[in-house]
């Protein structure tokens, strides 16, 4: 099982909208995430900085279906682009975090 942590940035004033959109996560997006071997996925918000902290656990023996080419992924990015910092292709700006400590 792989543990992955990353951060993203939410535009100011969109905290409630971000939560609402994830509370209403499309079933096809949730299914794609699960089919990609993700067992747990959490996103936390630091309301002082608008930094989003994501953490997931993923079974690496399962193919990652969340490809940048997948139409559901691209549709989700477009849906979220107005409230997050994004790249030119509308993917969220994601900064991977390095693990420095783990207590099993």
Protein backbone atom coordinates (compact mmCIF):
# COMPACT_ATOMS: atom_id res chain seq x y z
CA UNK A 1 0.00 0.00 0.00
CA UNK A 2 1.39 3.36 -1.05
CA UNK A 3 0.78 6.46 1.10
CA UNK A 4 0.57 9.70 -0.87
CA UNK A 5 0.39 13.25 0.50
CA UNK A 6 0.13 16.46 -1.47
CA UNK A 7 -1.04 20.03 -1.27
CA UNK A 8 -3.12 22.25 -3.52
CA UNK A 9 -4.39 25.83 -3.21
CA UNK A 10 -7.98 27.01 -2.99
CA UNK A 11 -8.88 30.48 -4.21
CA UNK A 12 -10.01 32.81 -1.39
CA UNK A 13 -13.74 32.81 -0.64
CA UNK A 14 -14.46 29.37 -2.07
CA UNK A 15 -14.14 27.24 1.06
CA UNK A 16 -17.86 26.41 1.27
CA UNK A 17 -18.16 25.81 -2.48
CA UNK A 18 -15.19 23.42 -2.44
CA UNK A 19 -16.76 21.42 0.38
CA UNK A 20 -20.15 21.43 -1.37
CA UNK A 21 -18.69 20.11 -4.62
CA UNK A 22 -16.95 17.30 -2.78
CA UNK A 23 -20.05 16.50 -0.72
CA UNK A 24 -21.76 16.07 -4.10
CA UNK A 25 -18.89 14.11 -5.69
CA UNK A 26 -20.08 12.53 -8.92
CA UNK A 27 -20.62 8.77 -8.58
CA UNK A 28 -18.49 8.15 -11.69
CA UNK A 29 -15.59 10.08 -10.14
CA UNK A 30 -15.88 8.20 -6.83
CA UNK A 31 -15.97 4.89 -8.71
CA UNK A 32 -12.92 5.82 -10.80
CA UNK A 33 -10.97 6.68 -7.65
CA UNK A 34 -11.91 3.35 -6.04
CA UNK A 35 -11.11 1.38 -9.21
CA UNK A 36 -7.65 3.01 -9.15
CA UNK A 37 -6.85 1.17 -5.92
CA UNK A 38 -7.50 4.06 -3.54
CA UNK A 39 -8.64 2.66 -0.19
CA UNK A 40 -8.74 5.93 1.72
CA UNK A 41 -8.68 9.51 0.51
CA UNK A 42 -8.96 12.63 2.65
CA UNK A 43 -8.58 16.32 1.89
CA UNK A 44 -8.09 18.85 4.68
CA UNK A 45 -8.26 22.65 4.48
CA UNK A 46 -6.00 25.08 6.33
CA UNK A 47 -8.42 28.02 6.47
CA UNK A 48 -5.64 30.49 7.34
CA UNK A 49 -3.74 29.84 4.10
CA UNK A 50 -6.36 28.18 1.86
CA UNK A 51 -3.94 25.30 1.42
CA UNK A 52 -5.61 21.95 0.79
CA UNK A 53 -3.77 18.93 2.15
CA UNK A 54 -4.58 15.63 0.47
CA UNK A 55 -3.74 12.19 1.76
CA UNK A 56 -4.55 8.83 0.25
CA UNK A 57 -3.60 5.20 0.48
CA UNK A 58 -3.38 3.34 -2.80
CA UNK A 59 -2.86 -0.29 -3.77
CA UNK A 60 -0.08 -0.04 -6.35
CA UNK A 61 -0.89 -3.48 -7.80
CA UNK A 62 -4.06 -1.95 -9.30
CA UNK A 63 -3.72 0.14 -12.49
CA UNK A 64 -4.16 3.87 -11.89
CA UNK A 65 -7.21 4.76 -13.97
CA UNK A 66 -7.16 8.43 -13.00
CA UNK A 67 -5.16 9.28 -16.08
CA UNK A 68 -5.02 12.87 -17.29
CA UNK A 69 -6.59 11.53 -20.48
CA UNK A 70 -9.64 10.02 -18.76
CA UNK A 71 -12.78 12.01 -19.70
CA UNK A 72 -14.21 11.94 -16.17
CA UNK A 73 -10.97 13.32 -14.74
CA UNK A 74 -10.82 16.09 -17.33
CA UNK A 75 -14.50 16.95 -16.69
CA UNK A 76 -13.83 17.14 -12.92
CA UNK A 77 -10.84 19.43 -13.46
CA UNK A 78 -12.96 21.76 -15.56
CA UNK A 79 -15.66 21.70 -12.87
CA UNK A 80 -13.13 22.71 -10.19
CA UNK A 81 -10.96 25.15 -12.19
CA UNK A 82 -12.86 28.28 -11.15
CA UNK A 83 -12.17 27.79 -7.44
CA UNK A 84 -8.63 26.36 -7.35
CA UNK A 85 -5.18 27.20 -8.64
CA UNK A 86 -4.83 25.22 -11.88
CA UNK A 87 -2.34 24.57 -14.66
CA UNK A 88 -2.95 25.48 -18.31
CA UNK A 89 -4.65 22.11 -18.93
CA UNK A 90 -7.00 22.86 -15.95
CA UNK A 91 -5.37 20.20 -13.76
CA UNK A 92 -4.96 21.36 -10.18
CA UNK A 93 -1.54 22.65 -9.21
CA UNK A 94 -0.39 19.77 -7.00
CA UNK A 95 2.74 19.85 -4.89
CA UNK A 96 3.79 16.38 -3.68
CA UNK A 97 4.90 16.14 -0.06
CA UNK A 98 7.77 13.97 1.12
CA UNK A 99 7.22 11.63 4.03
CA UNK A 100 9.68 12.34 6.84
CA UNK A 101 8.13 10.20 9.59
CA UNK A 102 5.77 7.23 9.84
CA UNK A 103 4.67 5.32 12.93
CA UNK A 104 2.94 2.09 11.90
